[in-house]
Amino acid sequence: MIVLHALAETVPPDHTGVDPDRRTSQLEGRGEDYDAAMAALREQVPDGMRLIWVRRPGADDPS
């Protein structure tokens, strides 16, 4: 089982990348492998939002 955490944000309304009404949403995807976990994440992204980062919990833990 692979668990991925992600952050989604609203897509800016124009090419400047500035969105005065920016919203974010934290998501979690689980799957038998990385591809399945990513698919589970993508299914949760609301319309008008995009994934801005994805990480595997503990993957960067040096201990």
Protein backbone atom coordinates (compact mmCIF):
# COMPACT_ATOMS: atom_id res chain seq x y z
CA MET A 1 0.00 0.00 0.00
CA ILE A 2 1.32 3.41 -1.04
CA VAL A 3 0.00 6.57 0.64
CA LEU A 4 0.52 9.97 -0.98
CA HIS A 5 -0.30 13.40 0.43
CA ALA A 6 -0.95 16.30 -1.92
CA LEU A 7 -1.92 19.94 -1.97
CA ALA A 8 -4.29 21.30 -4.61
CA GLU A 9 -4.83 24.99 -5.32
CA THR A 10 -7.18 27.01 -7.47
CA VAL A 11 -6.00 27.63 -11.02
CA PRO A 12 -5.16 31.33 -11.47
CA PRO A 13 -7.60 33.21 -13.71
CA ASP A 14 -4.89 34.50 -16.07
CA HIS A 15 -1.25 34.15 -17.09
CA THR A 16 0.08 36.27 -14.19
CA GLY A 17 -0.33 33.40 -11.74
CA VAL A 18 -1.90 35.74 -9.19
CA ASP A 19 -5.21 34.64 -7.74
CA PRO A 20 -6.68 36.96 -5.09
CA ASP A 21 -9.21 34.25 -4.21
CA ARG A 22 -6.64 31.43 -3.94
CA ARG A 23 -7.90 28.36 -2.11
CA THR A 24 -6.08 25.16 -1.23
CA SER A 25 -7.17 21.65 -0.36
CA GLN A 26 -5.15 18.86 1.25
CA LEU A 27 -5.71 15.43 -0.29
CA GLU A 28 -4.64 11.86 0.42
CA GLY A 29 -4.46 9.06 -2.11
CA ARG A 30 -3.94 5.37 -1.41
CA GLY A 31 -3.19 2.59 -3.84
CA GLU A 32 -1.42 -0.72 -4.32
CA ASP A 33 1.36 1.09 -6.18
CA TYR A 34 2.40 4.66 -7.04
CA ASP A 35 0.27 4.84 -10.19
CA ALA A 36 -2.86 3.72 -8.34
CA ALA A 37 -2.23 6.21 -5.51
CA MET A 38 -1.75 9.04 -8.04
CA ALA A 39 -4.95 8.05 -9.82
CA ALA A 40 -6.78 8.16 -6.48
CA LEU A 41 -5.40 11.68 -5.88
CA ARG A 42 -6.34 12.94 -9.34
CA GLU A 43 -9.92 11.73 -8.87
CA GLN A 44 -10.22 14.00 -5.82
CA VAL A 45 -8.99 17.24 -7.40
CA PRO A 46 -12.01 19.57 -7.61
CA ASP A 47 -12.85 21.34 -10.88
CA GLY A 48 -10.88 24.55 -11.20
CA MET A 49 -8.01 23.26 -9.05
CA ARG A 50 -4.64 21.65 -9.77
CA LEU A 51 -2.12 19.62 -7.82
CA ILE A 52 0.88 21.70 -6.78
CA TRP A 53 2.84 19.11 -4.77
CA VAL A 54 2.72 15.44 -3.95
CA ARG A 55 4.80 13.65 -1.33
CA ARG A 56 5.01 10.25 0.23
CA PRO A 57 4.87 10.60 4.03
CA GLY A 58 8.14 9.57 5.61
CA ALA A 59 10.00 9.52 2.29
CA ASP A 60 12.16 12.48 3.30
CA ASP A 61 12.51 11.48 6.97
CA PRO A 62 16.26 10.99 7.60
CA SER A 63 15.71 8.68 10.58
